[in-house]
Amino acid sequence: MNIQEIKVSECAAFQDNPFQVRDDEGMELLVQSIKEFGVMTPVVVRPVKEGGYEIVSGHRRIHACRRAGIEEIPALVRDMERDSAVIFMVDSNIQREGLLPSEKAFAYKMKVEALRHQGKRSVQPGQKSSRGAVAENAGESETQVQRYIRLTNLEKPLLSLVDEGRIAFTPAVELSYLTQQEQLDLLETIESEDATPSLSQAIRMRKLSEAGQLDMDGIFHIMSEVKGNQKEYIKLSSDKVGKYLGKLRTPPAEGGLHFEGPGLLRPPPGAPAFQPGREVRGMAKQTAPKRQKPRLIVQRVFTGEKSMEDVLFPVIYEDLRRQLERRRTLDKEGESG
């Protein structure tokens, strides 16, 4: 192994390198380590015709050297053609922790294409396909590798939402089958509604797209639906409600519940008996568009005469308002932290 010192200034990033170099906490630790101990593991580079070197493995180390003010770095210089360099680059990085979905997606795609260019596609019984070889090396199933590669069909802003965790992996795979215009329409709807698609919504959009029936109105209709996991359920103590009602008795409305004082709920006449609960539930949904003042829609948890609701509804509303404000404050603190 011929290791030599080369100038950091002569090293250029690998063309279409799918792995990002981030100035995060890990980079800070690497910079400090290099300042103290130097570069312990040589980088791998290949010479280029125009002069200098293309980095095959070691982008983070070279970036850390630049930040640390180090001008030379130990390197293993290897003559490699493009496809071999791609395979080496992917294999050297794919096991790193914390890789983004987009990094895996483009890395898998690049390696599959490189293997195919080298003529290593499966042609004999028992041989693995290019995708199968990539999957085996990465510790993934072949199907999972194919699903990751599908993400490369997403428009960049959508793929960024996947990396940020706002769109889950499986819905993102379904969305990758939408046309470019449909994806742009979806992005516009995501921004206006401040909501991202669930798996069931993504599947429906894909089916409509494949049938040639998906347009902006259809996307908006699907995206404006309330998803079950977006409903907020807030518990209200029956004792808290009861202290305002005292011994108030109200006849139940048809199909509703009958409140007979603090802590006692009964089903309407003729309905199956149930164990009275110690808590009642209020449900609120924030429906305001982005950048507008929120408003609440509150589902009344009791039904009865108007006098009953006049007493109970303000109690539920005020309790919901305070709890939701507290949640928003905690969310904002979490985002700023």
Protein backbone atom coordinates (compact mmCIF):
# COMPACT_ATOMS: atom_id res chain seq x y z
CA MET A 1 0.00 0.00 0.00
CA ASN A 2 1.62 3.23 -1.19
CA ILE A 3 0.50 6.04 1.14
CA GLN A 4 1.70 9.54 0.34
CA GLU A 5 1.09 13.07 1.57
CA ILE A 6 -0.97 15.16 -0.82
CA LYS A 7 -2.19 18.75 -0.62
CA VAL A 8 -5.73 19.23 0.64
CA SER A 9 -6.17 22.07 -1.85
CA GLU A 10 -5.67 19.59 -4.73
CA CYS A 11 -8.56 17.37 -3.63
CA ALA A 12 -12.00 17.79 -5.25
CA ALA A 13 -15.27 16.14 -4.17
CA PHE A 14 -16.41 13.03 -6.03
CA GLN A 15 -18.75 13.93 -8.88
CA ASP A 16 -22.39 13.41 -7.85
CA ASN A 17 -21.32 12.30 -4.37
CA PRO A 18 -24.61 11.32 -2.66
CA PHE A 19 -23.22 11.58 0.88
CA GLN A 20 -23.51 15.00 2.47
CA VAL A 21 -20.78 16.63 4.52
CA ARG A 22 -22.51 18.42 7.39
CA ASP A 23 -21.04 20.85 9.89
CA ASP A 24 -22.73 19.14 12.82
CA GLU A 25 -21.59 17.99 16.24
CA GLY A 26 -19.82 14.99 14.72
CA MET A 27 -17.82 17.26 12.45
CA GLU A 28 -16.80 19.43 15.39
CA LEU A 29 -15.47 16.34 17.18
CA LEU A 30 -13.59 15.24 14.06
CA VAL A 31 -11.98 18.67 13.67
CA GLN A 32 -10.81 18.63 17.27
CA SER A 33 -9.48 15.07 16.93
CA ILE A 34 -7.50 15.96 13.80
CA LYS A 35 -6.07 19.05 15.47
CA GLU A 36 -4.90 16.92 18.37
CA PHE A 37 -3.86 13.64 16.76
CA GLY A 38 -3.77 14.30 13.02
CA VAL A 39 -5.48 12.15 10.37
CA MET A 40 -5.26 8.56 11.58
CA THR A 41 -6.84 6.90 8.51
CA PRO A 42 -5.62 7.85 5.01
CA VAL A 43 -8.18 9.05 2.49
CA VAL A 44 -8.57 7.32 -0.88
CA VAL A 45 -8.31 9.45 -4.01
CA ARG A 46 -7.88 8.91 -7.71
CA PRO A 47 -5.84 11.16 -10.02
CA VAL A 48 -7.69 13.16 -12.68
CA LYS A 49 -6.40 14.14 -16.14
CA GLU A 50 -6.73 17.87 -15.50
CA GLY A 51 -4.49 17.58 -12.46
CA GLY A 52 -5.20 17.06 -8.78
CA TYR A 53 -7.31 14.32 -7.25
CA GLU A 54 -10.94 13.26 -6.93
CA ILE A 55 -11.91 12.05 -3.45
CA VAL A 56 -13.24 8.50 -3.42
CA SER A 57 -13.34 7.99 0.34
CA GLY A 58 -12.67 10.62 3.01
CA HIS A 59 -14.78 13.69 2.21
CA ARG A 60 -15.44 14.39 5.88
CA ARG A 61 -11.76 14.06 6.84
CA ILE A 62 -10.67 16.44 4.10
CA HIS A 63 -13.37 18.94 5.08
CA ALA A 64 -12.24 18.70 8.70
CA CYS A 65 -8.62 19.31 7.63
CA ARG A 66 -9.67 22.45 5.78
CA ARG A 67 -11.47 23.69 8.86
CA ALA A 68 -8.50 22.82 11.06
CA GLY A 69 -6.08 24.66 8.76
CA ILE A 70 -4.16 21.51 7.83
CA GLU A 71 -2.64 21.70 4.33
CA GLU A 72 -1.56 18.08 3.70
CA ILE A 73 -3.23 14.76 4.34
CA PRO A 74 -2.12 11.10 4.05
CA ALA A 75 -3.74 9.48 1.04
CA LEU A 76 -3.87 6.25 -0.87
CA VAL A 77 -3.73 7.23 -4.54
CA ARG A 78 -5.39 4.65 -6.78
CA ASP A 79 -6.00 4.58 -10.52
CA MET A 80 -9.67 3.61 -10.85
CA GLU A 81 -12.14 3.98 -13.64
CA ARG A 82 -15.45 5.69 -12.83
CA ASP A 83 -17.60 2.62 -12.11
CA SER A 84 -15.03 1.03 -9.79
CA ALA A 85 -14.67 4.34 -7.97
CA VAL A 86 -18.45 4.61 -7.51
CA ILE A 87 -18.64 1.11 -6.02
CA PHE A 88 -15.71 1.80 -3.69
CA MET A 89 -17.19 5.15 -2.62
CA VAL A 90 -20.63 3.67 -1.83
CA ASP A 91 -19.23 0.64 0.01
CA SER A 92 -17.01 2.93 2.12
CA ASN A 93 -19.93 5.05 3.32
CA ILE A 94 -23.14 3.03 3.24
CA GLN A 95 -22.69 1.61 6.76
CA ARG A 96 -22.34 5.04 8.35
CA GLU A 97 -24.88 5.85 11.05
CA GLY A 98 -27.47 8.55 10.53
CA LEU A 99 -27.61 8.44 6.74
CA LEU A 100 -30.53 10.35 5.24
CA PRO A 101 -33.06 8.56 3.02
CA SER A 102 -31.90 10.66 0.05
CA GLU A 103 -28.27 9.64 0.65
CA LYS A 104 -29.15 5.95 0.62
CA ALA A 105 -31.42 6.41 -2.39
CA PHE A 106 -28.84 7.98 -4.68
CA ALA A 107 -26.00 5.79 -3.36
CA TYR A 108 -27.94 2.59 -4.11
CA LYS A 109 -28.89 3.90 -7.55
CA MET A 110 -25.31 4.86 -8.41
CA LYS A 111 -23.93 1.49 -7.37
CA VAL A 112 -26.60 -0.50 -9.22
CA GLU A 113 -25.87 1.46 -12.39
CA ALA A 114 -22.10 1.03 -11.94
CA LEU A 115 -22.45 -2.74 -11.54
CA ARG A 116 -24.59 -2.90 -14.66
CA HIS A 117 -22.04 -0.88 -16.60
CA GLN A 118 -19.40 -3.39 -15.57
CA GLY A 119 -21.51 -6.21 -16.98
CA LYS A 120 -22.21 -7.76 -13.58
CA ARG A 121 -25.94 -8.02 -14.04
CA SER A 122 -27.28 -11.51 -13.33
CA VAL A 123 -27.13 -13.66 -16.47
CA GLN A 124 -26.53 -17.10 -14.95
CA PRO A 125 -28.90 -19.13 -12.74
CA GLY A 126 -28.06 -18.57 -9.08
CA GLN A 127 -26.22 -15.31 -9.67
CA LYS A 128 -27.46 -12.20 -7.91
CA SER A 129 -28.81 -9.23 -9.82
CA SER A 130 -27.06 -5.88 -9.49
CA ARG A 131 -29.78 -4.78 -7.06
CA GLY A 132 -29.40 -8.02 -5.12
CA ALA A 133 -25.64 -7.52 -4.81
CA VAL A 134 -26.19 -3.98 -3.52
CA ALA A 135 -28.78 -5.24 -1.02
CA GLU A 136 -26.51 -7.97 0.31
CA ASN A 137 -23.63 -5.56 0.87
CA ALA A 138 -25.86 -2.99 2.57
CA GLY A 139 -27.70 -5.47 4.78
CA GLU A 140 -31.05 -4.64 3.16
CA SER A 141 -33.60 -6.69 1.26
CA GLU A 142 -33.64 -6.32 -2.51
CA THR A 143 -37.17 -4.94 -2.29
CA GLN A 144 -36.06 -2.30 0.20
CA VAL A 145 -33.19 -1.23 -2.07
CA GLN A 146 -35.67 -0.89 -4.94
CA ARG A 147 -37.95 1.23 -2.74
CA TYR A 148 -35.07 3.51 -1.78
CA ILE A 149 -34.14 3.95 -5.43
CA ARG A 150 -37.75 4.98 -6.13
CA LEU A 151 -37.16 8.06 -3.94
CA THR A 152 -34.80 9.45 -6.58
CA ASN A 153 -37.93 10.13 -8.68
CA LEU A 154 -39.20 12.64 -6.14
CA GLU A 155 -38.88 16.35 -6.77
CA LYS A 156 -36.11 17.80 -4.61
CA PRO A 157 -38.42 19.74 -2.23
CA LEU A 158 -40.46 16.58 -1.59
CA LEU A 159 -37.33 14.55 -0.99
CA SER A 160 -36.19 17.20 1.50
CA LEU A 161 -39.44 16.67 3.42
CA VAL A 162 -38.59 12.96 3.59
CA ASP A 163 -35.11 13.74 4.93
CA GLU A 164 -36.66 16.07 7.51
CA GLY A 165 -39.03 13.33 8.65
CA ARG A 166 -42.15 15.26 7.66
CA ILE A 167 -43.08 12.64 5.06
CA ALA A 168 -42.61 9.03 6.13
CA PHE A 169 -40.64 6.62 3.97
CA THR A 170 -43.51 4.38 2.78
CA PRO A 171 -45.83 7.23 1.71
CA ALA A 172 -42.83 8.82 -0.04
CA VAL A 173 -42.34 5.68 -2.14
CA GLU A 174 -45.98 5.88 -3.26
CA LEU A 175 -45.61 9.59 -4.10
CA SER A 176 -42.58 8.81 -6.28
CA TYR A 177 -44.99 7.39 -8.89
CA LEU A 178 -46.70 10.77 -9.39
CA THR A 179 -45.77 12.84 -12.42
CA GLN A 180 -43.58 15.91 -12.06
CA GLN A 181 -46.55 18.27 -12.34
CA GLU A 182 -48.58 16.25 -9.85
CA GLN A 183 -45.70 16.41 -7.39
CA LEU A 184 -45.45 20.18 -7.82
CA ASP A 185 -49.20 20.49 -7.24
CA LEU A 186 -48.84 18.36 -4.13
CA LEU A 187 -46.04 20.59 -2.85
CA GLU A 188 -48.24 23.64 -3.30
CA THR A 189 -51.03 21.93 -1.35
CA ILE A 190 -48.65 20.85 1.41
CA GLU A 191 -47.55 24.46 1.85
CA SER A 192 -51.07 25.92 1.80
CA GLU A 193 -52.58 23.31 4.13
CA ASP A 194 -49.49 22.84 6.31
CA ALA A 195 -50.05 19.08 6.16
CA THR A 196 -48.23 16.09 4.68
CA PRO A 197 -49.84 12.95 3.21
CA SER A 198 -50.43 9.78 5.15
CA LEU A 199 -49.86 6.36 3.58
CA SER A 200 -53.55 5.92 2.67
CA GLN A 201 -53.65 9.38 1.08
CA ALA A 202 -50.45 8.71 -0.89
CA ILE A 203 -51.84 5.39 -2.15
CA ARG A 204 -55.05 7.05 -3.31
CA MET A 205 -53.12 9.77 -5.14
CA ARG A 206 -50.95 7.17 -6.85
CA LYS A 207 -54.01 5.21 -8.03
CA LEU A 208 -55.66 8.35 -9.39
CA SER A 209 -52.42 9.35 -11.08
CA GLU A 210 -52.05 5.96 -12.78
CA ALA A 211 -55.65 6.29 -13.99
CA GLY A 212 -54.93 9.77 -15.35
CA GLN A 213 -57.49 11.31 -12.98
CA LEU A 214 -55.32 13.24 -10.51
CA ASP A 215 -55.41 17.02 -10.68
CA MET A 216 -54.96 19.92 -8.26
CA ASP A 217 -58.56 19.72 -7.05
CA GLY A 218 -58.22 16.01 -6.38
CA ILE A 219 -54.97 16.51 -4.46
CA PHE A 220 -56.53 19.31 -2.40
CA HIS A 221 -59.60 17.20 -1.63
CA ILE A 222 -57.47 14.29 -0.40
CA MET A 223 -55.05 16.47 1.56
CA SER A 224 -57.79 18.51 3.27
CA GLU A 225 -59.24 15.43 4.93
CA VAL A 226 -58.72 15.12 8.66
CA LYS A 227 -56.45 12.17 9.47
CA GLY A 228 -57.17 10.16 12.58
CA ASN A 229 -53.73 10.76 14.04
CA GLN A 230 -54.19 14.53 13.72
CA LYS A 231 -57.17 14.72 16.07
CA GLU A 232 -56.33 15.96 19.52
CA TYR A 233 -58.04 14.28 22.44
CA ILE A 234 -57.94 16.10 25.75
CA LYS A 235 -59.27 14.59 28.96
CA LEU A 236 -61.49 16.67 31.22
CA SER A 237 -62.08 15.55 34.77
CA SER A 238 -65.76 14.95 35.50
CA ASP A 239 -65.16 16.42 38.96
CA LYS A 240 -63.95 19.66 37.31
CA VAL A 241 -67.06 19.80 35.16
CA GLY A 242 -69.30 18.66 37.96
CA LYS A 243 -68.43 21.49 40.33
CA TYR A 244 -70.02 23.91 37.88
CA LEU A 245 -73.13 21.80 37.43
CA GLY A 246 -73.90 20.72 40.96
CA LYS A 247 -76.93 18.44 40.96
CA LEU A 248 -78.19 19.65 37.60
CA ARG A 249 -80.25 17.00 35.83
CA THR A 250 -81.10 17.09 32.13
CA PRO A 251 -83.05 14.67 29.97
CA PRO A 252 -80.82 13.05 27.35
CA ALA A 253 -81.14 13.98 23.70
CA GLU A 254 -81.84 11.10 21.35
CA GLY A 255 -78.72 8.98 21.00
CA GLY A 256 -76.81 11.09 23.52
CA LEU A 257 -75.48 10.68 27.04
CA HIS A 258 -77.28 11.59 30.25
CA PHE A 259 -75.38 13.61 32.87
CA GLU A 260 -76.76 13.21 36.40
CA GLY A 261 -74.27 15.14 38.44
CA PRO A 262 -70.51 14.98 39.11
CA GLY A 263 -68.84 11.82 37.83
CA LEU A 264 -71.97 10.01 36.68
CA LEU A 265 -72.68 9.29 33.02
CA ARG A 266 -75.51 7.10 31.82
CA PRO A 267 -76.42 5.84 28.33
CA PRO A 268 -79.72 6.99 26.80
CA PRO A 269 -82.85 4.89 27.43
CA GLY A 270 -82.75 1.57 25.65
CA ALA A 271 -79.00 1.67 25.03
CA PRO A 272 -76.70 -1.09 26.41
CA ALA A 273 -75.39 -0.42 29.90
CA PHE A 274 -71.77 0.62 30.34
CA GLN A 275 -69.43 1.25 33.22
CA PRO A 276 -69.56 4.98 34.06
CA GLY A 277 -66.16 6.55 33.51
CA ARG A 278 -64.41 8.99 35.81
CA GLU A 279 -63.36 11.13 32.87
CA VAL A 280 -65.14 12.67 29.95
CA ARG A 281 -63.47 13.66 26.71
CA GLY A 282 -63.32 16.83 24.68
CA MET A 283 -61.97 16.83 21.17
CA ALA A 284 -60.48 19.85 19.41
CA LYS A 285 -59.06 20.34 15.96
CA GLN A 286 -56.87 23.23 14.87
CA THR A 287 -58.21 24.22 11.47
CA ALA A 288 -56.52 27.53 10.76
CA PRO A 289 -54.45 27.81 7.57
CA LYS A 290 -50.76 28.53 7.92
CA ARG A 291 -49.85 31.99 9.27
CA GLN A 292 -53.43 32.71 10.38
CA LYS A 293 -54.84 32.90 13.86
CA PRO A 294 -55.95 29.41 14.98
CA ARG A 295 -59.58 28.70 15.73
CA LEU A 296 -61.01 25.71 17.53
CA ILE A 297 -63.86 23.44 16.64
CA VAL A 298 -64.98 21.68 19.79
CA GLN A 299 -67.05 18.54 19.77
CA ARG A 300 -69.56 18.67 22.61
CA VAL A 301 -69.15 15.59 24.74
CA PHE A 302 -72.57 15.88 26.38
CA THR A 303 -75.93 16.36 24.73
CA GLY A 304 -79.04 17.62 26.44
CA GLU A 305 -81.17 20.69 26.89
CA LYS A 306 -79.81 24.12 26.10
CA SER A 307 -79.46 25.07 29.76
CA MET A 308 -77.13 22.09 30.24
CA GLU A 309 -74.92 23.10 27.30
CA ASP A 310 -74.82 26.74 28.34
CA VAL A 311 -73.18 25.66 31.58
CA LEU A 312 -70.94 22.87 30.32
CA PHE A 313 -69.70 24.11 26.95
CA PRO A 314 -67.74 27.15 28.25
CA VAL A 315 -66.00 24.90 30.79
CA ILE A 316 -64.88 22.46 28.11
CA TYR A 317 -63.87 25.22 25.72
CA GLU A 318 -61.76 27.09 28.27
CA ASP A 319 -60.04 23.89 29.41
CA LEU A 320 -59.27 22.94 25.81
CA ARG A 321 -57.98 26.41 25.02
CA ARG A 322 -55.56 26.39 27.94
CA GLN A 323 -54.27 22.89 27.24
CA LEU A 324 -53.77 23.57 23.53
CA GLU A 325 -51.92 26.80 24.26
CA ARG A 326 -49.68 24.85 26.63
CA ARG A 327 -49.02 22.24 23.92
CA ARG A 328 -48.17 24.90 21.36
CA THR A 329 -45.75 26.52 23.78
CA LEU A 330 -44.04 23.18 24.42
CA ASP A 331 -43.87 22.50 20.66
CA LYS A 332 -42.28 25.88 20.01
CA GLU A 333 -39.76 25.30 22.78
CA GLY A 334 -38.93 21.89 21.29
CA GLU A 335 -38.41 23.40 17.81
CA SER A 336 -36.20 26.20 19.11
CA GLY A 337 -34.18 23.73 21.18
